[in-house]
């Protein structure tokens, strides 16, 4: 499980991010009821160049004011919290700070829980056995517009997708949505489809309008629910 003594091999994560040349500071808040996990996550984040942990909280109730005050770039959110659940917490945060990126970090992999988290506004979904370097990559990817998922979660989502004739998306829009559902950033989508990032943004804007959603997480959730793409 993530964050036992193996988690303190944080040097791997630091080297990985350093090699990528990331220069922008990414601020992260942690909402996790397990103290050891909380502190280990903070240790990893603060020990990595260009990452800063700006708050660690044992419950959503204690996190809300701090997150609103600090306005972190990314929130790592557990699902099984005492009091207000992580899923309800995601909904509340997205209502108060629509632009915030919330990355689920949990042990729960039931398909309904995954779906509920995405519908609530989570931008990604990771399991707690995610290696430190991959977790740091996922935080970076979330901040860059991606929707990172653990392998088993991505497989669950893939197995749930089928082509449907109910969508009025164009072929190119469906391709962009498919890549978005795979957790790819705008730049990665642009590179894969040999188009500009601005063209990707224009397609995504059209996707949002046609699906009647307002964020990438809502678009992914709707694609998941209505089986709009074939992965």
C-alpha atoms as a PDB file:
ATOM      1  CA  UNK A   1       0.000   0.000   0.000  1.00  0.00           C
ATOM      2  CA  UNK A   2       1.178   3.506  -0.754  1.00  0.00           C
ATOM      3  CA  UNK A   3       2.736   5.409   2.110  1.00  0.00           C
ATOM      4  CA  UNK A   4       4.152   2.584   4.171  1.00  0.00           C
ATOM      5  CA  UNK A   5       7.927   2.705   4.578  1.00  0.00           C
ATOM      6  CA  UNK A   6       8.360   2.362   0.798  1.00  0.00           C
ATOM      7  CA  UNK A   7       6.748   5.736   0.378  1.00  0.00           C
ATOM      8  CA  UNK A   8       9.790   7.394   1.896  1.00  0.00           C
ATOM      9  CA  UNK A   9      11.723   6.510  -1.250  1.00  0.00           C
ATOM     10  CA  UNK A  10      10.683   9.991  -2.356  1.00  0.00           C
ATOM     11  CA  UNK A  11      14.015  10.595  -4.058  1.00  0.00           C
ATOM     12  CA  UNK A  12      12.685   8.687  -7.058  1.00  0.00           C
ATOM     13  CA  UNK A  13       9.878  11.184  -7.426  1.00  0.00           C
ATOM     14  CA  UNK A  14      12.163  14.167  -6.947  1.00  0.00           C
ATOM     15  CA  UNK A  15      14.544  12.941  -9.646  1.00  0.00           C
ATOM     16  CA  UNK A  16      11.701  12.264 -12.047  1.00  0.00           C
ATOM     17  CA  UNK A  17      10.268  15.764 -11.732  1.00  0.00           C
ATOM     18  CA  UNK A  18      13.686  17.377 -11.836  1.00  0.00           C
ATOM     19  CA  UNK A  19      14.509  15.599 -15.086  1.00  0.00           C
ATOM     20  CA  UNK A  20      11.330  16.944 -16.667  1.00  0.00           C
ATOM     21  CA  UNK A  21      12.449  20.500 -15.970  1.00  0.00           C
ATOM     22  CA  UNK A  22       9.236  21.608 -14.296  1.00  0.00           C
ATOM     23  CA  UNK A  23       9.686  25.215 -13.186  1.00  0.00           C
ATOM     24  CA  UNK A  24       6.200  26.313 -12.126  1.00  0.00           C
ATOM     25  CA  UNK A  25       5.389  25.914  -8.435  1.00  0.00           C
ATOM     26  CA  UNK A  26       2.381  23.639  -7.887  1.00  0.00           C
ATOM     27  CA  UNK A  27       0.587  24.030  -4.572  1.00  0.00           C
ATOM     28  CA  UNK A  28      -1.204  21.031  -3.102  1.00  0.00           C
ATOM     29  CA  UNK A  29      -3.638  20.506  -0.218  1.00  0.00           C
ATOM     30  CA  UNK A  30      -4.217  17.075   1.326  1.00  0.00           C
ATOM     31  CA  UNK A  31      -7.499  15.845   2.815  1.00  0.00           C
ATOM     32  CA  UNK A  32      -6.824  12.451   4.420  1.00  0.00           C
ATOM     33  CA  UNK A  33      -7.950  11.034   7.768  1.00  0.00           C
ATOM     34  CA  UNK A  34      -4.964   8.698   8.241  1.00  0.00           C
ATOM     35  CA  UNK A  35      -2.222  10.712   9.975  1.00  0.00           C
ATOM     36  CA  UNK A  36       0.673   8.595   8.682  1.00  0.00           C
ATOM     37  CA  UNK A  37      -0.529   8.884   5.100  1.00  0.00           C
ATOM     38  CA  UNK A  38      -1.194  12.595   5.531  1.00  0.00           C
ATOM     39  CA  UNK A  39       2.293  13.288   6.830  1.00  0.00           C
ATOM     40  CA  UNK A  40       3.960  11.027   4.264  1.00  0.00           C
ATOM     41  CA  UNK A  41       2.212  12.793   1.416  1.00  0.00           C
ATOM     42  CA  UNK A  42       3.258  16.167   2.791  1.00  0.00           C
ATOM     43  CA  UNK A  43       6.839  14.898   3.122  1.00  0.00           C
ATOM     44  CA  UNK A  44       6.906  13.756  -0.503  1.00  0.00           C
ATOM     45  CA  UNK A  45       5.349  16.942  -1.864  1.00  0.00           C
ATOM     46  CA  UNK A  46       7.468  19.360   0.172  1.00  0.00           C
ATOM     47  CA  UNK A  47      10.595  17.349  -0.620  1.00  0.00           C
ATOM     48  CA  UNK A  48      10.052  17.660  -4.376  1.00  0.00           C
ATOM     49  CA  UNK A  49      11.287  20.732  -6.276  1.00  0.00           C
ATOM     50  CA  UNK A  50       8.512  23.051  -7.454  1.00  0.00           C
ATOM     51  CA  UNK A  51       5.875  21.340  -5.308  1.00  0.00           C
ATOM     52  CA  UNK A  52       4.523  22.818  -2.092  1.00  0.00           C
ATOM     53  CA  UNK A  53       2.022  21.395   0.387  1.00  0.00           C
ATOM     54  CA  UNK A  54      -0.092  24.315   1.641  1.00  0.00           C
ATOM     55  CA  UNK A  55      -2.389  22.393   3.973  1.00  0.00           C
ATOM     56  CA  UNK A  56      -3.016  18.946   5.461  1.00  0.00           C
ATOM     57  CA  UNK A  57      -6.422  18.153   6.924  1.00  0.00           C
ATOM     58  CA  UNK A  58      -7.953  15.084   8.652  1.00  0.00           C
ATOM     59  CA  UNK A  59     -11.514  15.844   7.509  1.00  0.00           C
ATOM     60  CA  UNK A  60     -13.328  17.888   4.919  1.00  0.00           C
ATOM     61  CA  UNK A  61     -14.941  20.045   7.595  1.00  0.00           C
ATOM     62  CA  UNK A  62     -11.483  21.134   8.776  1.00  0.00           C
ATOM     63  CA  UNK A  63     -10.218  21.498   5.216  1.00  0.00           C
ATOM     64  CA  UNK A  64     -12.877  23.746   3.727  1.00  0.00           C
ATOM     65  CA  UNK A  65     -11.839  27.116   5.169  1.00  0.00           C
ATOM     66  CA  UNK A  66      -8.139  26.416   4.647  1.00  0.00           C
ATOM     67  CA  UNK A  67      -8.596  25.399   1.023  1.00  0.00           C
ATOM     68  CA  UNK A  68     -10.733  28.457   0.288  1.00  0.00           C
ATOM     69  CA  UNK A  69      -8.093  30.641   1.935  1.00  0.00           C
ATOM     70  CA  UNK A  70      -5.026  29.042   0.330  1.00  0.00           C
ATOM     71  CA  UNK A  71      -6.556  28.340  -3.129  1.00  0.00           C
ATOM     72  CA  UNK A  72      -4.208  25.407  -3.904  1.00  0.00           C
ATOM     73  CA  UNK A  73      -3.712  24.270  -7.488  1.00  0.00           C
ATOM     74  CA  UNK A  74      -4.537  20.639  -6.691  1.00  0.00           C
ATOM     75  CA  UNK A  75      -6.363  18.943  -3.816  1.00  0.00           C
ATOM     76  CA  UNK A  76      -5.619  15.296  -2.983  1.00  0.00           C
ATOM     77  CA  UNK A  77      -8.910  13.989  -1.619  1.00  0.00           C
ATOM     78  CA  UNK A  78      -9.627  10.707   0.135  1.00  0.00           C
ATOM     79  CA  UNK A  79     -13.120   9.255  -0.318  1.00  0.00           C
ATOM     80  CA  UNK A  80     -13.675   7.514   3.034  1.00  0.00           C
ATOM     81  CA  UNK A  81     -13.480  10.562   5.283  1.00  0.00           C
ATOM     82  CA  UNK A  82     -15.201  10.926   8.673  1.00  0.00           C
ATOM     83  CA  UNK A  83     -18.194  13.258   8.572  1.00  0.00           C
ATOM     84  CA  UNK A  84     -18.612  14.756   5.111  1.00  0.00           C
ATOM     85  CA  UNK A  85     -17.453  12.154   2.565  1.00  0.00           C
ATOM     86  CA  UNK A  86     -14.844  12.872  -0.057  1.00  0.00           C
ATOM     87  CA  UNK A  87     -17.451  12.775  -2.820  1.00  0.00           C
ATOM     88  CA  UNK A  88     -19.656  15.324  -1.055  1.00  0.00           C
ATOM     89  CA  UNK A  89     -16.545  17.360  -0.338  1.00  0.00           C
ATOM     90  CA  UNK A  90     -15.675  17.405  -4.038  1.00  0.00           C
ATOM     91  CA  UNK A  91     -19.133  18.737  -4.879  1.00  0.00           C
ATOM     92  CA  UNK A  92     -18.876  21.487  -2.280  1.00  0.00           C
ATOM     93  CA  UNK A  93     -15.388  22.559  -3.349  1.00  0.00           C
ATOM     94  CA  UNK A  94     -16.315  22.644  -7.033  1.00  0.00           C
ATOM     95  CA  UNK A  95     -19.285  24.850  -6.222  1.00  0.00           C
ATOM     96  CA  UNK A  96     -17.100  27.274  -4.263  1.00  0.00           C
ATOM     97  CA  UNK A  97     -13.954  27.093  -6.447  1.00  0.00           C
ATOM     98  CA  UNK A  98     -15.017  25.798  -9.889  1.00  0.00           C
ATOM     99  CA  UNK A  99     -11.512  25.991 -11.354  1.00  0.00           C
ATOM    100  CA  UNK A 100      -9.844  23.880  -8.643  1.00  0.00           C
ATOM    101  CA  UNK A 101      -8.417  20.477  -9.612  1.00  0.00           C
ATOM    102  CA  UNK A 102      -9.352  17.676  -7.218  1.00  0.00           C
ATOM    103  CA  UNK A 103      -7.484  14.394  -7.502  1.00  0.00           C
ATOM    104  CA  UNK A 104      -8.977  11.420  -5.647  1.00  0.00           C
ATOM    105  CA  UNK A 105      -6.499   9.245  -3.744  1.00  0.00           C
ATOM    106  CA  UNK A 106      -8.266   6.290  -2.159  1.00  0.00           C
ATOM    107  CA  UNK A 107      -8.459   2.534  -1.652  1.00  0.00           C
ATOM    108  CA  UNK A 108     -12.005   2.369  -3.059  1.00  0.00           C
ATOM    109  CA  UNK A 109     -12.257   1.093  -6.637  1.00  0.00           C
ATOM    110  CA  UNK A 110     -15.946   0.186  -6.932  1.00  0.00           C
ATOM    111  CA  UNK A 111     -17.281   1.392 -10.274  1.00  0.00           C
ATOM    112  CA  UNK A 112     -20.141   3.372  -8.720  1.00  0.00           C
ATOM    113  CA  UNK A 113     -17.742   5.187  -6.394  1.00  0.00           C
ATOM    114  CA  UNK A 114     -15.486   6.051  -9.329  1.00  0.00           C
ATOM    115  CA  UNK A 115     -18.459   7.277 -11.344  1.00  0.00           C
ATOM    116  CA  UNK A 116     -19.805   9.328  -8.431  1.00  0.00           C
ATOM    117  CA  UNK A 117     -16.416  10.958  -7.867  1.00  0.00           C
ATOM    118  CA  UNK A 118     -16.080  11.911 -11.536  1.00  0.00           C
ATOM    119  CA  UNK A 119     -19.636  13.225 -11.621  1.00  0.00           C
ATOM    120  CA  UNK A 120     -18.932  15.266  -8.500  1.00  0.00           C
ATOM    121  CA  UNK A 121     -16.063  17.005 -10.282  1.00  0.00           C
ATOM    122  CA  UNK A 122     -12.874  15.020  -9.597  1.00  0.00           C
ATOM    123  CA  UNK A 123     -10.315  15.516 -12.371  1.00  0.00           C
ATOM    124  CA  UNK A 124      -8.620  12.168 -11.733  1.00  0.00           C
ATOM    125  CA  UNK A 125      -8.794   8.998  -9.658  1.00  0.00           C
ATOM    126  CA  UNK A 126      -5.790   7.225  -8.131  1.00  0.00           C
ATOM    127  CA  UNK A 127      -5.398   4.253  -5.854  1.00  0.00           C
ATOM    128  CA  UNK A 128      -3.255   4.487  -2.730  1.00  0.00           C
ATOM    129  CA  UNK A 129      -0.792   1.943  -4.070  1.00  0.00           C
ATOM    130  CA  UNK A 130       0.270   4.439  -6.735  1.00  0.00           C
ATOM    131  CA  UNK A 131       4.095   4.755  -6.642  1.00  0.00           C
ATOM    132  CA  UNK A 132       5.406   8.135  -5.448  1.00  0.00           C
ATOM    133  CA  UNK A 133       6.856   9.159  -8.816  1.00  0.00           C
ATOM    134  CA  UNK A 134       3.571   8.372 -10.567  1.00  0.00           C
ATOM    135  CA  UNK A 135       1.638  10.302  -7.936  1.00  0.00           C
ATOM    136  CA  UNK A 136       3.797  13.369  -8.556  1.00  0.00           C
ATOM    137  CA  UNK A 137       3.309  12.933 -12.301  1.00  0.00           C
ATOM    138  CA  UNK A 138      -0.456  12.718 -11.740  1.00  0.00           C
ATOM    139  CA  UNK A 139      -0.486  15.947  -9.729  1.00  0.00           C
ATOM    140  CA  UNK A 140       1.441  17.653 -12.521  1.00  0.00           C
ATOM    141  CA  UNK A 141      -0.876  16.149 -15.139  1.00  0.00           C
ATOM    142  CA  UNK A 142      -3.971  17.349 -13.258  1.00  0.00           C
ATOM    143  CA  UNK A 143      -2.552  20.850 -13.087  1.00  0.00           C
ATOM    144  CA  UNK A 144      -1.846  20.715 -16.847  1.00  0.00           C
ATOM    145  CA  UNK A 145      -5.429  19.831 -17.737  1.00  0.00           C
ATOM    146  CA  UNK A 146      -5.231  16.038 -17.753  1.00  0.00           C
ATOM    147  CA  UNK A 147      -7.389  13.465 -16.002  1.00  0.00           C
ATOM    148  CA  UNK A 148      -4.963  10.884 -14.545  1.00  0.00           C
ATOM    149  CA  UNK A 149      -6.224   7.500 -13.380  1.00  0.00           C
ATOM    150  CA  UNK A 150      -4.630   4.442 -11.825  1.00  0.00           C
ATOM    151  CA  UNK A 151      -4.277   1.507 -14.206  1.00  0.00           C
ATOM    152  CA  UNK A 152      -7.079  -0.518 -12.666  1.00  0.00           C
ATOM    153  CA  UNK A 153      -9.411   2.498 -12.668  1.00  0.00           C
ATOM    154  CA  UNK A 154      -8.605   3.284 -16.282  1.00  0.00           C
ATOM    155  CA  UNK A 155      -9.312  -0.351 -17.154  1.00  0.00           C
ATOM    156  CA  UNK A 156     -12.645  -0.178 -15.346  1.00  0.00           C
ATOM    157  CA  UNK A 157     -13.567   2.954 -17.290  1.00  0.00           C
ATOM    158  CA  UNK A 158     -12.416   1.448 -20.580  1.00  0.00           C
ATOM    159  CA  UNK A 159     -14.499  -1.678 -20.011  1.00  0.00           C
ATOM    160  CA  UNK A 160     -17.532   0.507 -19.363  1.00  0.00           C
ATOM    161  CA  UNK A 161     -17.229   2.466 -22.637  1.00  0.00           C
ATOM    162  CA  UNK A 162     -18.975   1.426 -25.844  1.00  0.00           C
ATOM    163  CA  UNK A 163     -19.807   3.324 -28.994  1.00  0.00           C
ATOM    164  CA  UNK A 164     -23.269   4.867 -28.989  1.00  0.00           C
ATOM    165  CA  UNK A 165     -25.301   6.573 -31.706  1.00  0.00           C
ATOM    166  CA  UNK A 166     -26.884   9.012 -29.257  1.00  0.00           C
ATOM    167  CA  UNK A 167     -24.055  11.537 -29.436  1.00  0.00           C
ATOM    168  CA  UNK A 168     -24.066  14.490 -31.831  1.00  0.00           C
ATOM    169  CA  UNK A 169     -20.316  14.922 -31.564  1.00  0.00           C
ATOM    170  CA  UNK A 170     -18.270  15.030 -34.749  1.00  0.00           C
ATOM    171  CA  UNK A 171     -15.662  12.354 -35.410  1.00  0.00           C
ATOM    172  CA  UNK A 172     -12.860  14.731 -34.395  1.00  0.00           C
ATOM    173  CA  UNK A 173     -14.708  15.802 -31.234  1.00  0.00           C
ATOM    174  CA  UNK A 174     -15.182  12.151 -30.338  1.00  0.00           C
ATOM    175  CA  UNK A 175     -11.451  11.573 -30.843  1.00  0.00           C
ATOM    176  CA  UNK A 176     -10.630  14.504 -28.563  1.00  0.00           C
ATOM    177  CA  UNK A 177     -13.099  13.285 -25.935  1.00  0.00           C
ATOM    178  CA  UNK A 178     -11.618   9.785 -26.143  1.00  0.00           C
ATOM    179  CA  UNK A 179      -8.145  11.139 -25.448  1.00  0.00           C
ATOM    180  CA  UNK A 180      -9.520  13.299 -22.636  1.00  0.00           C
ATOM    181  CA  UNK A 181     -11.063  10.187 -21.073  1.00  0.00           C
ATOM    182  CA  UNK A 182      -7.651   8.513 -21.213  1.00  0.00           C
ATOM    183  CA  UNK A 183      -6.342  11.249 -18.930  1.00  0.00           C
ATOM    184  CA  UNK A 184      -4.309  13.104 -21.541  1.00  0.00           C
ATOM    185  CA  UNK A 185      -3.528  16.810 -21.306  1.00  0.00           C
ATOM    186  CA  UNK A 186      -4.395  19.287 -24.046  1.00  0.00           C
ATOM    187  CA  UNK A 187      -0.790  19.237 -25.257  1.00  0.00           C
ATOM    188  CA  UNK A 188      -0.704  15.437 -25.419  1.00  0.00           C
ATOM    189  CA  UNK A 189      -3.998  15.393 -27.342  1.00  0.00           C
ATOM    190  CA  UNK A 190      -2.653  17.987 -29.760  1.00  0.00           C
ATOM    191  CA  UNK A 191       0.516  15.949 -30.337  1.00  0.00           C
ATOM    192  CA  UNK A 192      -1.408  12.691 -30.808  1.00  0.00           C
ATOM    193  CA  UNK A 193      -3.887  14.199 -33.293  1.00  0.00           C
ATOM    194  CA  UNK A 194      -1.353  16.470 -35.038  1.00  0.00           C
ATOM    195  CA  UNK A 195      -3.319  19.622 -34.302  1.00  0.00           C
ATOM    196  CA  UNK A 196      -2.603  22.745 -32.257  1.00  0.00           C
ATOM    197  CA  UNK A 197      -3.482  23.131 -28.584  1.00  0.00           C
ATOM    198  CA  UNK A 198      -5.775  26.002 -29.584  1.00  0.00           C
ATOM    199  CA  UNK A 199      -7.656  23.644 -31.915  1.00  0.00           C
ATOM    200  CA  UNK A 200      -7.948  21.131 -29.062  1.00  0.00           C
ATOM    201  CA  UNK A 201      -9.389  23.848 -26.830  1.00  0.00           C
ATOM    202  CA  UNK A 202     -11.881  24.807 -29.534  1.00  0.00           C
ATOM    203  CA  UNK A 203     -13.011  21.193 -29.919  1.00  0.00           C
ATOM    204  CA  UNK A 204     -13.327  20.826 -26.141  1.00  0.00           C
ATOM    205  CA  UNK A 205     -15.389  24.002 -25.975  1.00  0.00           C
ATOM    206  CA  UNK A 206     -17.751  22.485 -28.569  1.00  0.00           C
ATOM    207  CA  UNK A 207     -17.820  19.212 -26.630  1.00  0.00           C
ATOM    208  CA  UNK A 208     -18.799  21.047 -23.448  1.00  0.00           C
ATOM    209  CA  UNK A 209     -21.574  22.886 -25.300  1.00  0.00           C
ATOM    210  CA  UNK A 210     -22.978  19.772 -26.949  1.00  0.00           C
ATOM    211  CA  UNK A 211     -22.805  17.643 -23.794  1.00  0.00           C
ATOM    212  CA  UNK A 212     -24.086  20.535 -21.657  1.00  0.00           C
ATOM    213  CA  UNK A 213     -21.166  20.322 -19.225  1.00  0.00           C
ATOM    214  CA  UNK A 214     -18.733  22.911 -17.891  1.00  0.00           C
ATOM    215  CA  UNK A 215     -15.512  21.048 -17.115  1.00  0.00           C
ATOM    216  CA  UNK A 216     -13.333  18.169 -18.262  1.00  0.00           C
ATOM    217  CA  UNK A 217     -14.378  16.083 -15.263  1.00  0.00           C
ATOM    218  CA  UNK A 218     -18.061  16.534 -16.114  1.00  0.00           C
ATOM    219  CA  UNK A 219     -17.333  15.651 -19.751  1.00  0.00           C
ATOM    220  CA  UNK A 220     -15.476  12.468 -18.736  1.00  0.00           C
ATOM    221  CA  UNK A 221     -18.235  11.549 -16.281  1.00  0.00           C
ATOM    222  CA  UNK A 222     -20.930  12.022 -18.929  1.00  0.00           C
ATOM    223  CA  UNK A 223     -18.923  10.028 -21.456  1.00  0.00           C
ATOM    224  CA  UNK A 224     -18.627   7.289 -18.828  1.00  0.00           C
ATOM    225  CA  UNK A 225     -22.333   7.346 -17.995  1.00  0.00           C
ATOM    226  CA  UNK A 226     -23.674   7.584 -21.538  1.00  0.00           C
ATOM    227  CA  UNK A 227     -20.959   5.471 -23.220  1.00  0.00           C
ATOM    228  CA  UNK A 228     -20.032   8.131 -25.745  1.00  0.00           C
ATOM    229  CA  UNK A 229     -16.613   6.842 -26.781  1.00  0.00           C
ATOM    230  CA  UNK A 230     -14.898   3.601 -27.672  1.00  0.00           C
ATOM    231  CA  UNK A 231     -11.553   3.132 -25.919  1.00  0.00           C
END
